[in-house]
C-alpha atoms as a PDB file:
ATOM      1  CA  UNK A   1       0.403  -0.097  -0.146  1.00  0.00           C
ATOM      2  CA  UNK A   2       2.839   2.312   0.690  1.00  0.00           C
ATOM      3  CA  UNK A   3       3.631   1.965  -3.339  1.00  0.00           C
ATOM      4  CA  UNK A   4       0.343   4.335  -3.878  1.00  0.00           C
ATOM      5  CA  UNK A   5       0.212   7.659  -4.228  1.00  0.00           C
ATOM      6  CA  UNK A   6       0.582   9.212  -0.700  1.00  0.00           C
ATOM      7  CA  UNK A   7      -2.941  11.587  -1.919  1.00  0.00           C
ATOM      8  CA  UNK A   8      -4.806   8.389  -2.110  1.00  0.00           C
ATOM      9  CA  UNK A   9      -7.449   8.594   0.605  1.00  0.00           C
ATOM     10  CA  UNK A  10      -7.935   4.810   2.541  1.00  0.00           C
ATOM     11  CA  UNK A  11     -11.139   3.743   0.418  1.00  0.00           C
ATOM     12  CA  UNK A  12      -9.528   4.554  -2.736  1.00  0.00           C
ATOM     13  CA  UNK A  13      -6.291   2.642  -1.637  1.00  0.00           C
ATOM     14  CA  UNK A  14      -8.631  -0.506  -0.633  1.00  0.00           C
ATOM     15  CA  UNK A  15     -11.090  -0.232  -3.479  1.00  0.00           C
ATOM     16  CA  UNK A  16      -7.979  -0.635  -5.642  1.00  0.00           C
ATOM     17  CA  UNK A  17      -6.788  -3.693  -3.700  1.00  0.00           C
ATOM     18  CA  UNK A  18     -10.335  -4.937  -4.072  1.00  0.00           C
ATOM     19  CA  UNK A  19     -10.417  -4.510  -8.231  1.00  0.00           C
ATOM     20  CA  UNK A  20      -6.994  -6.286  -8.012  1.00  0.00           C
ATOM     21  CA  UNK A  21      -8.485  -9.619  -6.089  1.00  0.00           C
ATOM     22  CA  UNK A  22     -11.111  -9.151  -8.645  1.00  0.00           C
ATOM     23  CA  UNK A  23      -9.210  -8.931 -11.955  1.00  0.00           C
ATOM     24  CA  UNK A  24      -6.992 -12.015 -10.560  1.00  0.00           C
ATOM     25  CA  UNK A  25      -9.787 -14.143  -9.756  1.00  0.00           C
ATOM     26  CA  UNK A  26     -10.826 -13.590 -13.720  1.00  0.00           C
ATOM     27  CA  UNK A  27      -6.800 -14.058 -14.481  1.00  0.00           C
ATOM     28  CA  UNK A  28      -7.380 -17.311 -12.917  1.00  0.00           C
ATOM     29  CA  UNK A  29     -10.921 -18.192 -14.553  1.00  0.00           C
ATOM     30  CA  UNK A  30      -8.993 -17.793 -18.035  1.00  0.00           C
ATOM     31  CA  UNK A  31      -5.723 -19.621 -17.056  1.00  0.00           C
ATOM     32  CA  UNK A  32      -7.911 -22.703 -15.714  1.00  0.00           C
ATOM     33  CA  UNK A  33     -10.301 -22.768 -18.899  1.00  0.00           C
ATOM     34  CA  UNK A  34      -7.577 -21.899 -21.209  1.00  0.00           C
ATOM     35  CA  UNK A  35      -4.934 -24.544 -19.798  1.00  0.00           C
ATOM     36  CA  UNK A  36      -7.993 -27.009 -19.512  1.00  0.00           C
ATOM     37  CA  UNK A  37      -8.600 -27.004 -22.907  1.00  0.00           C
ATOM     38  CA  UNK A  38      -4.848 -26.968 -24.268  1.00  0.00           C
ATOM     39  CA  UNK A  39      -3.403 -29.433 -21.802  1.00  0.00           C
ATOM     40  CA  UNK A  40      -2.391 -31.898 -24.779  1.00  0.00           C
ATOM     41  CA  UNK A  41      -0.107 -29.323 -26.611  1.00  0.00           C
ATOM     42  CA  UNK A  42       1.996 -29.568 -23.499  1.00  0.00           C
ATOM     43  CA  UNK A  43       4.160 -32.439 -24.902  1.00  0.00           C
ATOM     44  CA  UNK A  44       3.158 -33.823 -28.285  1.00  0.00           C
ATOM     45  CA  UNK A  45       5.708 -36.742 -28.528  1.00  0.00           C
ATOM     46  CA  UNK A  46       4.579 -39.105 -25.729  1.00  0.00           C
ATOM     47  CA  UNK A  47       1.214 -40.975 -26.050  1.00  0.00           C
ATOM     48  CA  UNK A  48      -1.036 -39.320 -23.883  1.00  0.00           C
ATOM     49  CA  UNK A  49      -2.171 -41.019 -20.346  1.00  0.00           C
ATOM     50  CA  UNK A  50      -5.498 -39.975 -19.631  1.00  0.00           C
ATOM     51  CA  UNK A  51      -4.671 -40.860 -15.376  1.00  0.00           C
ATOM     52  CA  UNK A  52      -1.772 -38.217 -15.912  1.00  0.00           C
ATOM     53  CA  UNK A  53      -3.601 -35.787 -17.624  1.00  0.00           C
ATOM     54  CA  UNK A  54      -6.905 -36.138 -15.208  1.00  0.00           C
ATOM     55  CA  UNK A  55      -4.210 -35.791 -12.161  1.00  0.00           C
ATOM     56  CA  UNK A  56      -2.984 -32.877 -13.806  1.00  0.00           C
ATOM     57  CA  UNK A  57      -6.123 -31.208 -14.051  1.00  0.00           C
ATOM     58  CA  UNK A  58      -7.134 -31.988 -10.551  1.00  0.00           C
ATOM     59  CA  UNK A  59      -4.170 -30.521  -9.328  1.00  0.00           C
ATOM     60  CA  UNK A  60      -4.487 -27.319 -11.502  1.00  0.00           C
ATOM     61  CA  UNK A  61      -8.145 -26.795  -9.772  1.00  0.00           C
ATOM     62  CA  UNK A  62      -7.240 -27.261  -6.506  1.00  0.00           C
ATOM     63  CA  UNK A  63      -4.029 -25.021  -7.243  1.00  0.00           C
ATOM     64  CA  UNK A  64      -5.917 -22.567  -9.015  1.00  0.00           C
ATOM     65  CA  UNK A  65      -8.133 -22.239  -6.059  1.00  0.00           C
ATOM     66  CA  UNK A  66      -5.895 -21.986  -3.231  1.00  0.00           C
ATOM     67  CA  UNK A  67      -4.174 -19.397  -5.382  1.00  0.00           C
ATOM     68  CA  UNK A  68      -7.085 -17.045  -4.765  1.00  0.00           C
ATOM     69  CA  UNK A  69      -7.509 -17.895  -0.983  1.00  0.00           C
ATOM     70  CA  UNK A  70      -3.612 -16.678  -0.912  1.00  0.00           C
ATOM     71  CA  UNK A  71      -4.064 -13.609  -2.684  1.00  0.00           C
ATOM     72  CA  UNK A  72      -6.728 -12.284  -0.371  1.00  0.00           C
ATOM     73  CA  UNK A  73      -4.144 -13.588   2.314  1.00  0.00           C
ATOM     74  CA  UNK A  74      -1.527 -11.576   0.958  1.00  0.00           C
ATOM     75  CA  UNK A  75      -3.739  -8.569   0.907  1.00  0.00           C
ATOM     76  CA  UNK A  76      -5.193  -8.752   4.232  1.00  0.00           C
ATOM     77  CA  UNK A  77      -1.903  -9.365   5.799  1.00  0.00           C
ATOM     78  CA  UNK A  78      -0.308  -6.766   4.155  1.00  0.00           C
ATOM     79  CA  UNK A  79      -3.100  -4.459   5.481  1.00  0.00           C
ATOM     80  CA  UNK A  80      -2.492  -5.733   9.392  1.00  0.00           C
ATOM     81  CA  UNK A  81       0.928  -5.332   9.049  1.00  0.00           C
ATOM     82  CA  UNK A  82       0.580  -1.972   7.865  1.00  0.00           C
ATOM     83  CA  UNK A  83      -1.192  -0.960  10.639  1.00  0.00           C
ATOM     84  CA  UNK A  84       1.675  -2.697  12.619  1.00  0.00           C
ATOM     85  CA  UNK A  85       0.061  -5.906  13.610  1.00  0.00           C
ATOM     86  CA  UNK A  86       2.634  -8.245  12.597  1.00  0.00           C
ATOM     87  CA  UNK A  87       2.427 -10.997  14.933  1.00  0.00           C
ATOM     88  CA  UNK A  88      -1.364 -12.251  13.633  1.00  0.00           C
ATOM     89  CA  UNK A  89      -0.249 -12.558   9.997  1.00  0.00           C
ATOM     90  CA  UNK A  90       2.839 -14.685  11.160  1.00  0.00           C
ATOM     91  CA  UNK A  91       0.408 -16.926  13.823  1.00  0.00           C
ATOM     92  CA  UNK A  92      -2.114 -17.457  11.129  1.00  0.00           C
ATOM     93  CA  UNK A  93       0.474 -18.635   8.556  1.00  0.00           C
ATOM     94  CA  UNK A  94       1.870 -20.913  11.022  1.00  0.00           C
ATOM     95  CA  UNK A  95      -1.478 -22.301  11.921  1.00  0.00           C
ATOM     96  CA  UNK A  96      -2.223 -22.982   7.993  1.00  0.00           C
ATOM     97  CA  UNK A  97       1.353 -24.266   7.436  1.00  0.00           C
ATOM     98  CA  UNK A  98       0.439 -27.088  10.307  1.00  0.00           C
ATOM     99  CA  UNK A  99      -2.976 -27.872   9.168  1.00  0.00           C
ATOM    100  CA  UNK A 100      -1.297 -28.387   5.500  1.00  0.00           C
ATOM    101  CA  UNK A 101       0.941 -30.736   6.984  1.00  0.00           C
ATOM    102  CA  UNK A 102      -1.412 -32.719   8.668  1.00  0.00           C
ATOM    103  CA  UNK A 103      -3.756 -32.546   5.828  1.00  0.00           C
ATOM    104  CA  UNK A 104      -1.048 -33.782   3.876  1.00  0.00           C
ATOM    105  CA  UNK A 105      -0.544 -36.870   6.047  1.00  0.00           C
ATOM    106  CA  UNK A 106      -4.404 -37.551   6.013  1.00  0.00           C
ATOM    107  CA  UNK A 107      -5.149 -37.170   2.479  1.00  0.00           C
ATOM    108  CA  UNK A 108      -1.896 -39.620   1.232  1.00  0.00           C
ATOM    109  CA  UNK A 109      -1.927 -42.241   3.939  1.00  0.00           C
ATOM    110  CA  UNK A 110      -5.590 -42.791   4.315  1.00  0.00           C
ATOM    111  CA  UNK A 111      -7.546 -41.381   1.509  1.00  0.00           C
ATOM    112  CA  UNK A 112      -4.571 -42.690  -1.005  1.00  0.00           C
ATOM    113  CA  UNK A 113      -4.868 -38.800  -2.997  1.00  0.00           C
ATOM    114  CA  UNK A 114      -1.351 -38.726  -4.290  1.00  0.00           C
ATOM    115  CA  UNK A 115      -0.623 -35.541  -5.708  1.00  0.00           C
ATOM    116  CA  UNK A 116      -4.308 -34.509  -5.810  1.00  0.00           C
ATOM    117  CA  UNK A 117      -4.022 -34.905  -2.131  1.00  0.00           C
ATOM    118  CA  UNK A 118      -1.538 -32.801  -1.394  1.00  0.00           C
ATOM    119  CA  UNK A 119      -2.856 -29.986  -3.794  1.00  0.00           C
ATOM    120  CA  UNK A 120      -6.206 -30.134  -1.903  1.00  0.00           C
ATOM    121  CA  UNK A 121      -4.364 -30.005   1.407  1.00  0.00           C
ATOM    122  CA  UNK A 122      -2.662 -26.851   0.001  1.00  0.00           C
ATOM    123  CA  UNK A 123      -5.835 -25.015  -0.484  1.00  0.00           C
ATOM    124  CA  UNK A 124      -7.682 -25.895   2.051  1.00  0.00           C
ATOM    125  CA  UNK A 125      -4.692 -24.635   4.240  1.00  0.00           C
ATOM    126  CA  UNK A 126      -4.784 -21.133   2.216  1.00  0.00           C
ATOM    127  CA  UNK A 127      -8.513 -21.114   2.659  1.00  0.00           C
ATOM    128  CA  UNK A 128      -8.067 -21.189   6.586  1.00  0.00           C
ATOM    129  CA  UNK A 129      -5.288 -18.125   6.274  1.00  0.00           C
ATOM    130  CA  UNK A 130      -7.688 -16.407   4.336  1.00  0.00           C
ATOM    131  CA  UNK A 131     -10.298 -16.798   6.765  1.00  0.00           C
ATOM    132  CA  UNK A 132      -8.475 -16.109   9.986  1.00  0.00           C
ATOM    133  CA  UNK A 133      -7.008 -12.704   8.330  1.00  0.00           C
ATOM    134  CA  UNK A 134     -10.779 -11.511   7.046  1.00  0.00           C
ATOM    135  CA  UNK A 135     -12.045 -12.544  10.342  1.00  0.00           C
ATOM    136  CA  UNK A 136      -9.311 -10.354  12.015  1.00  0.00           C
ATOM    137  CA  UNK A 137     -10.076  -7.238   9.515  1.00  0.00           C
ATOM    138  CA  UNK A 138     -13.891  -7.935  10.497  1.00  0.00           C
ATOM    139  CA  UNK A 139     -12.936  -7.269  14.235  1.00  0.00           C
ATOM    140  CA  UNK A 140     -10.534  -4.010  13.719  1.00  0.00           C
ATOM    141  CA  UNK A 141     -12.187  -0.626  14.985  1.00  0.00           C
ATOM    142  CA  UNK A 142     -10.157   1.511  13.166  1.00  0.00           C
ATOM    143  CA  UNK A 143     -10.084   2.548   9.524  1.00  0.00           C
ATOM    144  CA  UNK A 144      -8.969  -0.887   8.504  1.00  0.00           C
ATOM    145  CA  UNK A 145     -11.944  -2.523   9.681  1.00  0.00           C
ATOM    146  CA  UNK A 146     -13.470  -4.425   6.663  1.00  0.00           C
ATOM    147  CA  UNK A 147     -17.088  -4.441   6.296  1.00  0.00           C
ATOM    148  CA  UNK A 148     -18.312  -6.839   3.478  1.00  0.00           C
ATOM    149  CA  UNK A 149     -21.634  -5.177   3.001  1.00  0.00           C
ATOM    150  CA  UNK A 150     -19.621  -2.164   1.710  1.00  0.00           C
ATOM    151  CA  UNK A 151     -17.517  -4.078  -0.624  1.00  0.00           C
ATOM    152  CA  UNK A 152     -18.561  -3.305  -4.258  1.00  0.00           C
ATOM    153  CA  UNK A 153     -16.771  -2.061  -7.493  1.00  0.00           C
ATOM    154  CA  UNK A 154     -16.663   1.525  -7.856  1.00  0.00           C
ATOM    155  CA  UNK A 155     -16.668   2.876 -11.808  1.00  0.00           C
ATOM    156  CA  UNK A 156     -14.497   6.161 -11.178  1.00  0.00           C
ATOM    157  CA  UNK A 157     -12.007   4.330  -9.476  1.00  0.00           C
ATOM    158  CA  UNK A 158     -11.801   1.204 -11.992  1.00  0.00           C
ATOM    159  CA  UNK A 159     -11.914   3.415 -14.501  1.00  0.00           C
ATOM    160  CA  UNK A 160      -8.571   4.992 -13.263  1.00  0.00           C
ATOM    161  CA  UNK A 161      -7.064   1.470 -12.827  1.00  0.00           C
ATOM    162  CA  UNK A 162      -7.518   0.166 -16.325  1.00  0.00           C
ATOM    163  CA  UNK A 163      -6.394   3.413 -17.346  1.00  0.00           C
ATOM    164  CA  UNK A 164      -2.890   2.939 -16.232  1.00  0.00           C
ATOM    165  CA  UNK A 165      -3.226  -1.221 -15.571  1.00  0.00           C
ATOM    166  CA  UNK A 166      -4.094  -2.488 -19.303  1.00  0.00           C
ATOM    167  CA  UNK A 167      -1.610  -0.748 -20.783  1.00  0.00           C
ATOM    168  CA  UNK A 168       0.823  -1.630 -18.569  1.00  0.00           C
ATOM    169  CA  UNK A 169       0.011  -5.079 -18.429  1.00  0.00           C
ATOM    170  CA  UNK A 170      -0.104  -5.516 -22.470  1.00  0.00           C
ATOM    171  CA  UNK A 171       3.110  -4.131 -22.755  1.00  0.00           C
ATOM    172  CA  UNK A 172       4.524  -6.372 -20.092  1.00  0.00           C
ATOM    173  CA  UNK A 173       2.618  -9.475 -21.988  1.00  0.00           C
ATOM    174  CA  UNK A 174       4.401  -8.259 -25.393  1.00  0.00           C
ATOM    175  CA  UNK A 175       7.556  -7.753 -23.829  1.00  0.00           C
ATOM    176  CA  UNK A 176       7.433 -11.452 -22.746  1.00  0.00           C
ATOM    177  CA  UNK A 177       6.189 -12.630 -25.716  1.00  0.00           C
ATOM    178  CA  UNK A 178       9.225 -10.691 -27.458  1.00  0.00           C
ATOM    179  CA  UNK A 179      12.180 -11.756 -25.201  1.00  0.00           C
ATOM    180  CA  UNK A 180      10.987 -15.655 -25.486  1.00  0.00           C
END
């Protein structure tokens, strides 16, 4: 949040973070459907093993769903750290990490889920850390209090973000394509 313009109000900063979350979720949805449709292009020299492709798709679904939770956790933890509360995000991460290890053991040894079990355990642990951070933000009494009912996309700030963000994203994408 420090990298944003100093004249922006707290509302504008939080709104722009929310817009980034929505855009990130849209990106993840695009990546999921594109990858699922075009997975067969990855290795054309090998005869397709449908069990392996199914397992890859399962892992992809769990990892993408976990990424959304991870992103929300990172935004929430950044807000908590910005106001000086560094112990809660660390504690929540430790709890989620312990749950991840426990679920890995359970999913692999008890349910025989292999790679999909590890991915699912990671997604569940990301969800827990996200829920804990959101709960901490909702309980705050200062300007950083999260009120779910007030979350919405406002057109004017969205247009400002898109006016700068779309050309920058397109430039970055074109540069990445031209280098590779």
